[in-house]
Structure formats: C-alpha cells, structure tokens
C-alpha cells in the first residue's frame, strides 16, 4: 500500500504541473495587467509603475514568470498579491477556511441524508414514501443551488415576520446572510463557534442539495439491484434478518460508487458553494476569486487554482484507498 501511495504521488506531479501551467497561460492571455489599470490613475507616476513592474517580475516573458513562480511554490511561497502587497497565503487563508466550513458541513448533510434516504427508498420500492423521496430528489437535481438559496431566504424572512407578529420575537429563525452576527468579536469562543455554525446551516444545506439528490437516486438504484441478487437471496435463506441483509450485505457493495466519487466531492462542493457564497454574502473563495480576477491579481487567482487542484488530487487518492477498504476484491501493491 505504501509503495502504491508513493507511485501515485509521483504520478500526480506532471498533472499538477500541467494544471498550473494551463492556468498561468490563461491568465497571461487576458489583455493588460494589474499595473496597466494602476497606470490609469492620475496620482500614480510612470516611474512608480515601472518600479512595480520590475518588483513583481512583470517585465519578464511569461515562461520566466512561470518558472520563478513554480520555484517559489516549491518553497511554499505562492507569491505576492499585487493589490494588497502581501503574501498570497495571507490573502487566501481566511476565504479558504470560510469555504471549508461550508464544505465540511455540506459533506455531513450529504452522507447523513443521502444514505438513509437511498436505503429507505430502495426498501419501499414504488410505495408512496418512495415516490415522495424520488420527487424531492428530482427537485434537488433540477433547481440551481443559488436560486434555492434565494427561495430559502424569502421563506426565512416570511417566517420571521410570522414569529414576530405572533410571538413577538424571531430569535429561533436562522440567519440568512453574512458569516457572523454583530458584536461577534466581543463574545467568548464557544458563542463565536455557535454563531458561525448557525449562520452556516442554511448555505451548507443548499450547497449539498444537488449532491443529496443525485446520491440518493444512485444509491436507490444500486440497492434495488443488489437486494434482488443471488447472494442476498442466499443470505435470507440462511435466516438473516432484514436489517442485517440490508445494511451488512447489500449496502456495502452498493456504496462503492459513493466512495469512488469522493475524489470529486471536495472541489465540486467548493465550486458549488461559489454562487451560494455570493447570494448569502459568505466571505469564501468565490468572492475572493472574482475580486482577484477583476483586479487581474494573477497570483491570488493562481493560489486558489493550486488549492483546488490539490484538493482534487488528494480526494482522488483518498477515494482509491477507501475503495480497497470497502471492496475486499481491490488490492494495491
């Protein structure tokens, strides 16, 4: 297993280099650069622009810029942000942490809801409960997550009005925007964590909606196929109970597509959180990325690309290792 991990690590190196090179070339194809925008400001002198161009290495051809950037990257340095004049790591650290809050909570929602719903629907095939689960799943697949977020925001505002009119308060209604409440910095740490958790509930559920719907449908189909297979009939003939047959014998092979799909979950959820972050004003990766693109702050853009690429590669490696745990037929040497 260790030898396999080492081989995979070395095989991922050209993939990583190719992804970063492609991203760097795309950023270079955009007309102009950050300093050309600064040159349009009347209070910026041409000498200052030339000094900054030399300082940031923008006076060099793009292959030289890429080699220098990769050399810094190998040392753990993602470069300097043009707009804030500070290391890119400092610029993207907080947005990545904020987005990962949504991603982790979305993963919890995904597996906590998709697996039980898929098993429940497969065990009650063509019943009213199965049709309800299928209808909700199709709804989750059809509606864009940013539009669903707007619908939930409207519903929460309406619920606030009802609770305020009937009960005189709306403290039990979830917040719909921002990551924290006013006065957050003056609270103790446990109350700060709780405030972030409450603010993240709605957007993280919205981000996970399409994944829940899709995984529920896939698991239902897999469970129905395995529940009608020969080894399940043999298990029932031996006197095993329905719970043991369903969860021990049918669910384990049926869940293999879930494990195989883990490699794309992290970057997909981060990408899916993008528009939702904009709708609910969550200070995550997407607002930072769009702001960096608008300012042509290429090293911030490349830093976020590096993080997404690493997440994809790490996720694929984890999914391959988990497949060997779930399916005993798979062995890595």
C-alpha atoms as a PDB file:
ATOM      1  CA  UNK A   1       0.000   0.000   0.000  1.00  0.00           C
ATOM      2  CA  UNK A   2       2.818   2.423   0.876  1.00  0.00           C
ATOM      3  CA  UNK A   3       4.530   1.731  -2.450  1.00  0.00           C
ATOM      4  CA  UNK A   4       1.252   2.451  -4.257  1.00  0.00           C
ATOM      5  CA  UNK A   5       0.868   5.786  -2.447  1.00  0.00           C
ATOM      6  CA  UNK A   6       4.423   6.766  -3.359  1.00  0.00           C
ATOM      7  CA  UNK A   7       3.813   5.875  -7.036  1.00  0.00           C
ATOM      8  CA  UNK A   8       0.582   7.847  -7.075  1.00  0.00           C
ATOM      9  CA  UNK A   9       2.363  10.818  -5.569  1.00  0.00           C
ATOM     10  CA  UNK A  10       4.981  10.858  -8.317  1.00  0.00           C
ATOM     11  CA  UNK A  11       2.318  10.317 -10.987  1.00  0.00           C
ATOM     12  CA  UNK A  12       0.431  13.366  -9.711  1.00  0.00           C
ATOM     13  CA  UNK A  13       3.413  15.670 -10.198  1.00  0.00           C
ATOM     14  CA  UNK A  14       3.030  16.066 -14.009  1.00  0.00           C
ATOM     15  CA  UNK A  15      -0.724  16.503 -13.547  1.00  0.00           C
ATOM     16  CA  UNK A  16      -0.152  19.301 -11.065  1.00  0.00           C
ATOM     17  CA  UNK A  17       2.463  20.979 -13.276  1.00  0.00           C
ATOM     18  CA  UNK A  18       0.179  20.758 -16.304  1.00  0.00           C
ATOM     19  CA  UNK A  19      -2.800  22.226 -14.428  1.00  0.00           C
ATOM     20  CA  UNK A  20      -0.801  25.138 -13.042  1.00  0.00           C
ATOM     21  CA  UNK A  21       0.854  25.795 -16.425  1.00  0.00           C
ATOM     22  CA  UNK A  22      -2.509  25.883 -18.175  1.00  0.00           C
ATOM     23  CA  UNK A  23      -3.918  28.251 -15.554  1.00  0.00           C
ATOM     24  CA  UNK A  24      -0.859  30.506 -15.860  1.00  0.00           C
ATOM     25  CA  UNK A  25      -1.158  30.637 -19.651  1.00  0.00           C
ATOM     26  CA  UNK A  26      -4.841  31.541 -19.420  1.00  0.00           C
ATOM     27  CA  UNK A  27      -4.086  34.406 -17.036  1.00  0.00           C
ATOM     28  CA  UNK A  28      -1.465  35.684 -19.481  1.00  0.00           C
ATOM     29  CA  UNK A  29      -3.952  35.663 -22.380  1.00  0.00           C
ATOM     30  CA  UNK A  30      -6.084  38.317 -20.673  1.00  0.00           C
ATOM     31  CA  UNK A  31      -5.306  41.739 -22.194  1.00  0.00           C
ATOM     32  CA  UNK A  32      -3.409  44.077 -19.901  1.00  0.00           C
ATOM     33  CA  UNK A  33      -2.366  43.500 -16.321  1.00  0.00           C
ATOM     34  CA  UNK A  34      -2.794  44.940 -12.842  1.00  0.00           C
ATOM     35  CA  UNK A  35      -0.238  47.691 -13.361  1.00  0.00           C
ATOM     36  CA  UNK A  36      -1.875  48.919 -16.555  1.00  0.00           C
ATOM     37  CA  UNK A  37      -5.009  49.531 -14.511  1.00  0.00           C
ATOM     38  CA  UNK A  38      -2.942  51.417 -11.931  1.00  0.00           C
ATOM     39  CA  UNK A  39      -1.354  53.495 -14.687  1.00  0.00           C
ATOM     40  CA  UNK A  40      -4.783  54.962 -15.491  1.00  0.00           C
ATOM     41  CA  UNK A  41      -4.958  56.538 -12.036  1.00  0.00           C
ATOM     42  CA  UNK A  42      -3.942  60.202 -12.224  1.00  0.00           C
ATOM     43  CA  UNK A  43      -1.984  60.172  -8.944  1.00  0.00           C
ATOM     44  CA  UNK A  44       0.317  57.273  -9.963  1.00  0.00           C
ATOM     45  CA  UNK A  45       3.595  58.273 -11.583  1.00  0.00           C
ATOM     46  CA  UNK A  46       5.056  56.308 -14.542  1.00  0.00           C
ATOM     47  CA  UNK A  47       8.262  55.754 -12.574  1.00  0.00           C
ATOM     48  CA  UNK A  48       6.250  54.021  -9.874  1.00  0.00           C
ATOM     49  CA  UNK A  49       4.612  51.747 -12.442  1.00  0.00           C
ATOM     50  CA  UNK A  50       7.977  50.738 -13.892  1.00  0.00           C
ATOM     51  CA  UNK A  51       9.431  50.085 -10.439  1.00  0.00           C
ATOM     52  CA  UNK A  52       6.479  47.880  -9.516  1.00  0.00           C
ATOM     53  CA  UNK A  53       6.696  46.056 -12.842  1.00  0.00           C
ATOM     54  CA  UNK A  54      10.290  45.126 -12.109  1.00  0.00           C
ATOM     55  CA  UNK A  55       9.477  44.296  -8.481  1.00  0.00           C
ATOM     56  CA  UNK A  56       6.706  41.859  -9.430  1.00  0.00           C
ATOM     57  CA  UNK A  57       8.646  40.438 -12.388  1.00  0.00           C
ATOM     58  CA  UNK A  58       6.048  41.530 -14.930  1.00  0.00           C
ATOM     59  CA  UNK A  59       8.802  42.869 -17.183  1.00  0.00           C
ATOM     60  CA  UNK A  60       9.912  39.297 -17.921  1.00  0.00           C
ATOM     61  CA  UNK A  61       8.421  36.897 -20.531  1.00  0.00           C
ATOM     62  CA  UNK A  62       5.662  34.683 -19.175  1.00  0.00           C
ATOM     63  CA  UNK A  63       7.755  31.447 -19.255  1.00  0.00           C
ATOM     64  CA  UNK A  64      10.289  33.136 -16.973  1.00  0.00           C
ATOM     65  CA  UNK A  65       7.483  34.341 -14.711  1.00  0.00           C
ATOM     66  CA  UNK A  66       6.062  30.825 -14.517  1.00  0.00           C
ATOM     67  CA  UNK A  67       9.428  29.222 -13.692  1.00  0.00           C
ATOM     68  CA  UNK A  68      10.046  31.787 -10.961  1.00  0.00           C
ATOM     69  CA  UNK A  69       6.558  31.282  -9.559  1.00  0.00           C
ATOM     70  CA  UNK A  70       6.953  27.482  -9.560  1.00  0.00           C
ATOM     71  CA  UNK A  71      10.314  27.848  -7.819  1.00  0.00           C
ATOM     72  CA  UNK A  72       8.671  29.920  -5.109  1.00  0.00           C
ATOM     73  CA  UNK A  73       5.770  27.463  -4.937  1.00  0.00           C
ATOM     74  CA  UNK A  74       8.132  24.561  -4.242  1.00  0.00           C
ATOM     75  CA  UNK A  75       9.357  26.559  -1.249  1.00  0.00           C
ATOM     76  CA  UNK A  76       5.802  27.086  -0.006  1.00  0.00           C
ATOM     77  CA  UNK A  77       5.530  30.645  -1.335  1.00  0.00           C
ATOM     78  CA  UNK A  78       2.532  31.416  -3.567  1.00  0.00           C
ATOM     79  CA  UNK A  79       3.834  34.847  -4.462  1.00  0.00           C
ATOM     80  CA  UNK A  80       2.744  38.366  -3.591  1.00  0.00           C
ATOM     81  CA  UNK A  81      -0.660  39.898  -4.119  1.00  0.00           C
ATOM     82  CA  UNK A  82      -0.498  42.929  -6.399  1.00  0.00           C
ATOM     83  CA  UNK A  83      -3.441  44.748  -4.863  1.00  0.00           C
ATOM     84  CA  UNK A  84      -2.712  44.239  -1.149  1.00  0.00           C
ATOM     85  CA  UNK A  85       1.105  43.933  -1.419  1.00  0.00           C
ATOM     86  CA  UNK A  86       1.173  40.988   0.976  1.00  0.00           C
ATOM     87  CA  UNK A  87       1.790  37.246   0.573  1.00  0.00           C
ATOM     88  CA  UNK A  88      -0.938  35.393  -1.301  1.00  0.00           C
ATOM     89  CA  UNK A  89      -1.108  32.862   1.541  1.00  0.00           C
ATOM     90  CA  UNK A  90      -2.296  35.610   3.880  1.00  0.00           C
ATOM     91  CA  UNK A  91      -4.869  36.775   1.348  1.00  0.00           C
ATOM     92  CA  UNK A  92      -6.469  33.389   0.637  1.00  0.00           C
ATOM     93  CA  UNK A  93      -6.122  31.709   4.045  1.00  0.00           C
ATOM     94  CA  UNK A  94      -9.280  33.161   5.588  1.00  0.00           C
ATOM     95  CA  UNK A  95     -11.503  32.678   2.470  1.00  0.00           C
ATOM     96  CA  UNK A  96     -10.369  29.036   2.167  1.00  0.00           C
ATOM     97  CA  UNK A  97     -11.099  28.401   5.849  1.00  0.00           C
ATOM     98  CA  UNK A  98     -14.513  30.032   5.496  1.00  0.00           C
ATOM     99  CA  UNK A  99     -15.370  27.965   2.414  1.00  0.00           C
ATOM    100  CA  UNK A 100     -14.163  24.776   4.094  1.00  0.00           C
ATOM    101  CA  UNK A 101     -16.706  25.375   6.864  1.00  0.00           C
ATOM    102  CA  UNK A 102     -19.457  25.164   4.249  1.00  0.00           C
ATOM    103  CA  UNK A 103     -17.778  22.213   2.529  1.00  0.00           C
ATOM    104  CA  UNK A 104     -17.421  20.143   5.714  1.00  0.00           C
ATOM    105  CA  UNK A 105     -20.975  20.834   6.829  1.00  0.00           C
ATOM    106  CA  UNK A 106     -22.205  20.062   3.303  1.00  0.00           C
ATOM    107  CA  UNK A 107     -20.422  16.698   3.404  1.00  0.00           C
ATOM    108  CA  UNK A 108     -22.104  15.929   6.720  1.00  0.00           C
ATOM    109  CA  UNK A 109     -25.507  16.805   5.257  1.00  0.00           C
ATOM    110  CA  UNK A 110     -24.708  14.811   2.114  1.00  0.00           C
ATOM    111  CA  UNK A 111     -23.898  11.499   3.781  1.00  0.00           C
ATOM    112  CA  UNK A 112     -26.253  11.906   6.737  1.00  0.00           C
ATOM    113  CA  UNK A 113     -29.237  12.356   4.411  1.00  0.00           C
ATOM    114  CA  UNK A 114     -28.375  10.641   1.112  1.00  0.00           C
ATOM    115  CA  UNK A 115     -27.537   7.204   2.538  1.00  0.00           C
ATOM    116  CA  UNK A 116     -30.614   6.809   4.779  1.00  0.00           C
ATOM    117  CA  UNK A 117     -32.926   8.204   2.094  1.00  0.00           C
ATOM    118  CA  UNK A 118     -31.481   5.919  -0.590  1.00  0.00           C
ATOM    119  CA  UNK A 119     -31.759   2.817   1.594  1.00  0.00           C
ATOM    120  CA  UNK A 120     -35.251   3.769   2.774  1.00  0.00           C
ATOM    121  CA  UNK A 121     -36.453   4.406  -0.781  1.00  0.00           C
ATOM    122  CA  UNK A 122     -34.995   1.135  -2.101  1.00  0.00           C
ATOM    123  CA  UNK A 123     -36.570  -0.887   0.702  1.00  0.00           C
ATOM    124  CA  UNK A 124     -40.003   0.555  -0.080  1.00  0.00           C
ATOM    125  CA  UNK A 125     -39.909   0.460  -3.856  1.00  0.00           C
ATOM    126  CA  UNK A 126     -42.910   2.031  -5.648  1.00  0.00           C
ATOM    127  CA  UNK A 127     -44.643   2.967  -2.390  1.00  0.00           C
ATOM    128  CA  UNK A 128     -45.845   6.475  -1.574  1.00  0.00           C
ATOM    129  CA  UNK A 129     -42.726   7.080   0.520  1.00  0.00           C
ATOM    130  CA  UNK A 130     -40.509   6.043  -2.393  1.00  0.00           C
ATOM    131  CA  UNK A 131     -42.360   8.384  -4.744  1.00  0.00           C
ATOM    132  CA  UNK A 132     -42.018  11.274  -2.282  1.00  0.00           C
ATOM    133  CA  UNK A 133     -38.253  10.690  -1.973  1.00  0.00           C
ATOM    134  CA  UNK A 134     -37.953  10.487  -5.768  1.00  0.00           C
ATOM    135  CA  UNK A 135     -39.917  13.711  -6.244  1.00  0.00           C
ATOM    136  CA  UNK A 136     -37.750  15.557  -3.720  1.00  0.00           C
ATOM    137  CA  UNK A 137     -34.631  14.171  -5.392  1.00  0.00           C
ATOM    138  CA  UNK A 138     -35.714  15.367  -8.827  1.00  0.00           C
ATOM    139  CA  UNK A 139     -36.458  18.774  -7.315  1.00  0.00           C
ATOM    140  CA  UNK A 140     -32.967  18.919  -5.814  1.00  0.00           C
ATOM    141  CA  UNK A 141     -31.371  17.999  -9.130  1.00  0.00           C
ATOM    142  CA  UNK A 142     -33.453  20.468 -11.147  1.00  0.00           C
ATOM    143  CA  UNK A 143     -33.251  23.647  -9.081  1.00  0.00           C
ATOM    144  CA  UNK A 144     -29.996  25.672  -9.180  1.00  0.00           C
ATOM    145  CA  UNK A 145     -28.486  25.969  -5.742  1.00  0.00           C
ATOM    146  CA  UNK A 146     -28.216  29.776  -5.848  1.00  0.00           C
ATOM    147  CA  UNK A 147     -31.923  30.045  -6.745  1.00  0.00           C
ATOM    148  CA  UNK A 148     -32.809  27.599  -3.969  1.00  0.00           C
ATOM    149  CA  UNK A 149     -30.833  29.816  -1.596  1.00  0.00           C
ATOM    150  CA  UNK A 150     -32.935  32.812  -2.663  1.00  0.00           C
ATOM    151  CA  UNK A 151     -36.124  30.812  -2.096  1.00  0.00           C
ATOM    152  CA  UNK A 152     -34.996  29.819   1.394  1.00  0.00           C
ATOM    153  CA  UNK A 153     -34.035  33.408   2.201  1.00  0.00           C
ATOM    154  CA  UNK A 154     -37.519  34.553   1.201  1.00  0.00           C
ATOM    155  CA  UNK A 155     -39.090  31.775   3.267  1.00  0.00           C
ATOM    156  CA  UNK A 156     -36.973  32.640   6.322  1.00  0.00           C
ATOM    157  CA  UNK A 157     -37.914  36.312   6.054  1.00  0.00           C
ATOM    158  CA  UNK A 158     -41.593  35.359   5.864  1.00  0.00           C
ATOM    159  CA  UNK A 159     -41.169  33.075   8.883  1.00  0.00           C
ATOM    160  CA  UNK A 160     -39.502  35.902  10.768  1.00  0.00           C
ATOM    161  CA  UNK A 161     -42.482  38.125  10.093  1.00  0.00           C
ATOM    162  CA  UNK A 162     -44.878  35.453  11.320  1.00  0.00           C
ATOM    163  CA  UNK A 163     -42.932  34.739  14.515  1.00  0.00           C
ATOM    164  CA  UNK A 164     -42.509  38.459  15.218  1.00  0.00           C
ATOM    165  CA  UNK A 165     -46.228  39.078  14.798  1.00  0.00           C
ATOM    166  CA  UNK A 166     -47.441  36.014  16.678  1.00  0.00           C
ATOM    167  CA  UNK A 167     -44.815  35.575  19.365  1.00  0.00           C
ATOM    168  CA  UNK A 168     -43.113  38.971  19.497  1.00  0.00           C
ATOM    169  CA  UNK A 169     -39.603  37.681  18.624  1.00  0.00           C
ATOM    170  CA  UNK A 170     -37.742  35.870  15.834  1.00  0.00           C
ATOM    171  CA  UNK A 171     -34.650  34.582  17.624  1.00  0.00           C
ATOM    172  CA  UNK A 172     -35.373  30.993  16.633  1.00  0.00           C
ATOM    173  CA  UNK A 173     -35.226  31.771  12.899  1.00  0.00           C
ATOM    174  CA  UNK A 174     -31.956  31.038  11.081  1.00  0.00           C
ATOM    175  CA  UNK A 175     -29.826  33.962   9.812  1.00  0.00           C
ATOM    176  CA  UNK A 176     -29.704  34.347   6.046  1.00  0.00           C
ATOM    177  CA  UNK A 177     -26.612  36.439   5.333  1.00  0.00           C
ATOM    178  CA  UNK A 178     -23.037  37.038   6.423  1.00  0.00           C
ATOM    179  CA  UNK A 179     -20.893  34.655   8.431  1.00  0.00           C
ATOM    180  CA  UNK A 180     -21.209  36.238  11.868  1.00  0.00           C
ATOM    181  CA  UNK A 181     -23.542  38.476  13.825  1.00  0.00           C
ATOM    182  CA  UNK A 182     -22.851  41.986  15.076  1.00  0.00           C
ATOM    183  CA  UNK A 183     -20.775  42.056  18.247  1.00  0.00           C
ATOM    184  CA  UNK A 184     -19.113  38.767  17.275  1.00  0.00           C
ATOM    185  CA  UNK A 185     -15.596  39.815  18.325  1.00  0.00           C
ATOM    186  CA  UNK A 186     -16.704  40.562  21.906  1.00  0.00           C
ATOM    187  CA  UNK A 187     -18.190  37.101  22.530  1.00  0.00           C
ATOM    188  CA  UNK A 188     -16.457  34.103  24.159  1.00  0.00           C
ATOM    189  CA  UNK A 189     -15.058  31.482  21.796  1.00  0.00           C
ATOM    190  CA  UNK A 190     -17.869  28.943  22.274  1.00  0.00           C
ATOM    191  CA  UNK A 191     -20.504  31.528  21.406  1.00  0.00           C
ATOM    192  CA  UNK A 192     -18.488  32.578  18.338  1.00  0.00           C
ATOM    193  CA  UNK A 193     -18.328  28.972  17.124  1.00  0.00           C
ATOM    194  CA  UNK A 194     -22.058  28.556  17.676  1.00  0.00           C
ATOM    195  CA  UNK A 195     -22.802  31.775  15.778  1.00  0.00           C
ATOM    196  CA  UNK A 196     -20.723  30.623  12.787  1.00  0.00           C
ATOM    197  CA  UNK A 197     -22.426  27.215  12.907  1.00  0.00           C
ATOM    198  CA  UNK A 198     -25.911  28.747  12.875  1.00  0.00           C
ATOM    199  CA  UNK A 199     -25.022  31.080  10.017  1.00  0.00           C
ATOM    200  CA  UNK A 200     -23.578  28.149   8.013  1.00  0.00           C
ATOM    201  CA  UNK A 201     -26.582  25.818   8.386  1.00  0.00           C
ATOM    202  CA  UNK A 202     -28.701  27.209   5.570  1.00  0.00           C
ATOM    203  CA  UNK A 203     -25.984  27.789   2.921  1.00  0.00           C
ATOM    204  CA  UNK A 204     -24.273  24.442   3.609  1.00  0.00           C
ATOM    205  CA  UNK A 205     -27.579  22.608   3.210  1.00  0.00           C
ATOM    206  CA  UNK A 206     -28.203  24.450  -0.061  1.00  0.00           C
ATOM    207  CA  UNK A 207     -24.738  23.525  -1.350  1.00  0.00           C
ATOM    208  CA  UNK A 208     -25.364  19.854  -0.534  1.00  0.00           C
ATOM    209  CA  UNK A 209     -28.854  19.727  -2.088  1.00  0.00           C
ATOM    210  CA  UNK A 210     -27.869  18.554  -5.569  1.00  0.00           C
ATOM    211  CA  UNK A 211     -25.389  16.028  -4.159  1.00  0.00           C
ATOM    212  CA  UNK A 212     -28.004  14.627  -1.781  1.00  0.00           C
ATOM    213  CA  UNK A 213     -30.500  14.275  -4.613  1.00  0.00           C
ATOM    214  CA  UNK A 214     -28.051  12.640  -7.004  1.00  0.00           C
ATOM    215  CA  UNK A 215     -26.522  10.251  -4.473  1.00  0.00           C
ATOM    216  CA  UNK A 216     -29.961   9.238  -3.224  1.00  0.00           C
ATOM    217  CA  UNK A 217     -31.009   8.237  -6.737  1.00  0.00           C
ATOM    218  CA  UNK A 218     -27.753   6.348  -7.368  1.00  0.00           C
ATOM    219  CA  UNK A 219     -27.893   4.504  -4.042  1.00  0.00           C
ATOM    220  CA  UNK A 220     -31.548   3.598  -4.560  1.00  0.00           C
ATOM    221  CA  UNK A 221     -30.774   2.035  -7.940  1.00  0.00           C
ATOM    222  CA  UNK A 222     -27.750   0.197  -6.541  1.00  0.00           C
ATOM    223  CA  UNK A 223     -29.674  -1.118  -3.533  1.00  0.00           C
ATOM    224  CA  UNK A 224     -32.566  -2.345  -5.666  1.00  0.00           C
ATOM    225  CA  UNK A 225     -30.117  -4.206  -7.903  1.00  0.00           C
ATOM    226  CA  UNK A 226     -28.270  -5.869  -5.027  1.00  0.00           C
ATOM    227  CA  UNK A 227     -31.410  -6.680  -2.998  1.00  0.00           C
ATOM    228  CA  UNK A 228     -32.600  -8.826  -5.904  1.00  0.00           C
ATOM    229  CA  UNK A 229     -29.268 -10.594  -6.428  1.00  0.00           C
ATOM    230  CA  UNK A 230     -28.471 -14.223  -5.664  1.00  0.00           C
ATOM    231  CA  UNK A 231     -26.225 -13.665  -2.653  1.00  0.00           C
ATOM    232  CA  UNK A 232     -28.959 -11.640  -0.925  1.00  0.00           C
ATOM    233  CA  UNK A 233     -31.467 -14.457  -1.501  1.00  0.00           C
ATOM    234  CA  UNK A 234     -28.915 -16.867  -0.067  1.00  0.00           C
ATOM    235  CA  UNK A 235     -28.453 -14.656   2.995  1.00  0.00           C
ATOM    236  CA  UNK A 236     -32.203 -14.562   3.549  1.00  0.00           C
ATOM    237  CA  UNK A 237     -32.423 -18.334   3.094  1.00  0.00           C
ATOM    238  CA  UNK A 238     -29.874 -18.723   5.885  1.00  0.00           C
ATOM    239  CA  UNK A 239     -32.232 -16.894   8.225  1.00  0.00           C
ATOM    240  CA  UNK A 240     -30.559 -13.492   8.403  1.00  0.00           C
ATOM    241  CA  UNK A 241     -32.799 -10.613   9.432  1.00  0.00           C
ATOM    242  CA  UNK A 242     -33.872  -7.823   7.123  1.00  0.00           C
ATOM    243  CA  UNK A 243     -31.636  -5.251   8.838  1.00  0.00           C
ATOM    244  CA  UNK A 244     -28.548  -7.453   8.528  1.00  0.00           C
ATOM    245  CA  UNK A 245     -29.304  -8.240   4.882  1.00  0.00           C
ATOM    246  CA  UNK A 246     -29.899  -4.594   4.012  1.00  0.00           C
ATOM    247  CA  UNK A 247     -27.086  -2.852   5.856  1.00  0.00           C
ATOM    248  CA  UNK A 248     -24.394  -5.525   6.054  1.00  0.00           C
ATOM    249  CA  UNK A 249     -24.711  -7.379   2.746  1.00  0.00           C
ATOM    250  CA  UNK A 250     -26.469  -5.034   0.285  1.00  0.00           C
ATOM    251  CA  UNK A 251     -25.325  -1.594   1.417  1.00  0.00           C
ATOM    252  CA  UNK A 252     -21.590  -2.345   1.407  1.00  0.00           C
ATOM    253  CA  UNK A 253     -21.290  -3.098  -2.334  1.00  0.00           C
ATOM    254  CA  UNK A 254     -23.962  -0.524  -3.187  1.00  0.00           C
ATOM    255  CA  UNK A 255     -21.993   2.273  -1.550  1.00  0.00           C
ATOM    256  CA  UNK A 256     -18.913   1.737  -3.763  1.00  0.00           C
ATOM    257  CA  UNK A 257     -19.966   4.497  -6.247  1.00  0.00           C
ATOM    258  CA  UNK A 258     -20.131   6.890  -3.292  1.00  0.00           C
ATOM    259  CA  UNK A 259     -16.563   6.068  -2.327  1.00  0.00           C
ATOM    260  CA  UNK A 260     -15.358   6.290  -5.929  1.00  0.00           C
ATOM    261  CA  UNK A 261     -16.911   9.742  -6.199  1.00  0.00           C
ATOM    262  CA  UNK A 262     -15.139  11.174  -3.174  1.00  0.00           C
ATOM    263  CA  UNK A 263     -12.297  12.373  -5.381  1.00  0.00           C
ATOM    264  CA  UNK A 264     -14.506  14.990  -6.996  1.00  0.00           C
ATOM    265  CA  UNK A 265     -16.585  15.925  -3.984  1.00  0.00           C
ATOM    266  CA  UNK A 266     -14.266  18.475  -2.347  1.00  0.00           C
ATOM    267  CA  UNK A 267     -13.578  20.632  -5.420  1.00  0.00           C
ATOM    268  CA  UNK A 268     -17.163  20.153  -6.619  1.00  0.00           C
ATOM    269  CA  UNK A 269     -18.631  21.316  -3.326  1.00  0.00           C
ATOM    270  CA  UNK A 270     -16.294  24.281  -3.224  1.00  0.00           C
ATOM    271  CA  UNK A 271     -17.339  25.152  -6.772  1.00  0.00           C
ATOM    272  CA  UNK A 272     -20.973  24.598  -5.869  1.00  0.00           C
ATOM    273  CA  UNK A 273     -20.597  26.874  -2.859  1.00  0.00           C
ATOM    274  CA  UNK A 274     -19.493  29.683  -5.153  1.00  0.00           C
ATOM    275  CA  UNK A 275     -22.762  31.291  -6.185  1.00  0.00           C
ATOM    276  CA  UNK A 276     -24.312  30.458  -2.826  1.00  0.00           C
ATOM    277  CA  UNK A 277     -21.476  32.364  -1.149  1.00  0.00           C
ATOM    278  CA  UNK A 278     -22.344  35.382  -3.270  1.00  0.00           C
ATOM    279  CA  UNK A 279     -26.059  35.127  -2.512  1.00  0.00           C
ATOM    280  CA  UNK A 280     -25.617  34.918   1.268  1.00  0.00           C
ATOM    281  CA  UNK A 281     -22.541  37.222   1.395  1.00  0.00           C
ATOM    282  CA  UNK A 282     -20.336  34.462   2.776  1.00  0.00           C
ATOM    283  CA  UNK A 283     -16.660  35.582   2.716  1.00  0.00           C
ATOM    284  CA  UNK A 284     -15.346  32.497   0.954  1.00  0.00           C
ATOM    285  CA  UNK A 285     -13.263  31.525  -2.049  1.00  0.00           C
ATOM    286  CA  UNK A 286     -15.583  32.673  -4.829  1.00  0.00           C
ATOM    287  CA  UNK A 287     -15.920  36.349  -3.785  1.00  0.00           C
ATOM    288  CA  UNK A 288     -12.143  36.472  -3.331  1.00  0.00           C
ATOM    289  CA  UNK A 289     -11.555  34.826  -6.716  1.00  0.00           C
ATOM    290  CA  UNK A 290     -13.929  37.157  -8.570  1.00  0.00           C
ATOM    291  CA  UNK A 291     -12.371  40.199  -6.922  1.00  0.00           C
ATOM    292  CA  UNK A 292      -8.877  38.977  -7.870  1.00  0.00           C
ATOM    293  CA  UNK A 293      -9.957  38.358 -11.480  1.00  0.00           C
ATOM    294  CA  UNK A 294     -11.458  41.849 -11.671  1.00  0.00           C
ATOM    295  CA  UNK A 295      -8.206  43.379 -10.421  1.00  0.00           C
ATOM    296  CA  UNK A 296      -6.094  40.969 -12.556  1.00  0.00           C
ATOM    297  CA  UNK A 297      -4.283  39.906  -9.395  1.00  0.00           C
ATOM    298  CA  UNK A 298      -2.977  36.775 -11.107  1.00  0.00           C
ATOM    299  CA  UNK A 299      -1.040  35.272  -8.197  1.00  0.00           C
ATOM    300  CA  UNK A 300      -4.132  35.269  -5.984  1.00  0.00           C
ATOM    301  CA  UNK A 301      -6.035  33.532  -8.794  1.00  0.00           C
ATOM    302  CA  UNK A 302      -3.234  31.003  -9.230  1.00  0.00           C
ATOM    303  CA  UNK A 303      -3.084  30.403  -5.483  1.00  0.00           C
ATOM    304  CA  UNK A 304      -6.760  29.455  -5.444  1.00  0.00           C
ATOM    305  CA  UNK A 305      -6.230  27.243  -8.521  1.00  0.00           C
ATOM    306  CA  UNK A 306      -3.394  25.465  -6.708  1.00  0.00           C
ATOM    307  CA  UNK A 307      -5.614  24.794  -3.694  1.00  0.00           C
ATOM    308  CA  UNK A 308      -8.455  23.437  -5.860  1.00  0.00           C
ATOM    309  CA  UNK A 309      -6.031  21.216  -7.821  1.00  0.00           C
ATOM    310  CA  UNK A 310      -4.511  19.825  -4.636  1.00  0.00           C
ATOM    311  CA  UNK A 311      -7.964  19.098  -3.219  1.00  0.00           C
ATOM    312  CA  UNK A 312      -8.905  17.216  -6.382  1.00  0.00           C
ATOM    313  CA  UNK A 313      -5.730  15.112  -6.355  1.00  0.00           C
ATOM    314  CA  UNK A 314      -5.922  14.380  -2.626  1.00  0.00           C
ATOM    315  CA  UNK A 315      -9.596  13.486  -2.962  1.00  0.00           C
ATOM    316  CA  UNK A 316      -8.871  11.034  -5.782  1.00  0.00           C
ATOM    317  CA  UNK A 317      -6.127   9.382  -3.741  1.00  0.00           C
ATOM    318  CA  UNK A 318      -8.392   9.083  -0.700  1.00  0.00           C
ATOM    319  CA  UNK A 319     -11.194   7.583  -2.796  1.00  0.00           C
ATOM    320  CA  UNK A 320      -8.822   4.948  -4.224  1.00  0.00           C
ATOM    321  CA  UNK A 321      -7.642   3.979  -0.739  1.00  0.00           C
ATOM    322  CA  UNK A 322     -11.181   3.836   0.632  1.00  0.00           C
ATOM    323  CA  UNK A 323     -12.247   1.607  -2.259  1.00  0.00           C
ATOM    324  CA  UNK A 324      -9.778  -1.002  -1.025  1.00  0.00           C
ATOM    325  CA  UNK A 325     -11.379  -0.784   2.421  1.00  0.00           C
ATOM    326  CA  UNK A 326     -14.950  -1.101   1.142  1.00  0.00           C
ATOM    327  CA  UNK A 327     -14.321  -3.678  -1.595  1.00  0.00           C
ATOM    328  CA  UNK A 328     -12.065  -6.571  -0.476  1.00  0.00           C
ATOM    329  CA  UNK A 329     -11.503  -7.552  -4.107  1.00  0.00           C
ATOM    330  CA  UNK A 330      -9.374  -4.431  -4.631  1.00  0.00           C
ATOM    331  CA  UNK A 331      -5.738  -4.650  -3.595  1.00  0.00           C
ATOM    332  CA  UNK A 332      -2.946  -2.148  -4.252  1.00  0.00           C
ATOM    333  CA  UNK A 333       0.654  -3.322  -4.460  1.00  0.00           C
END
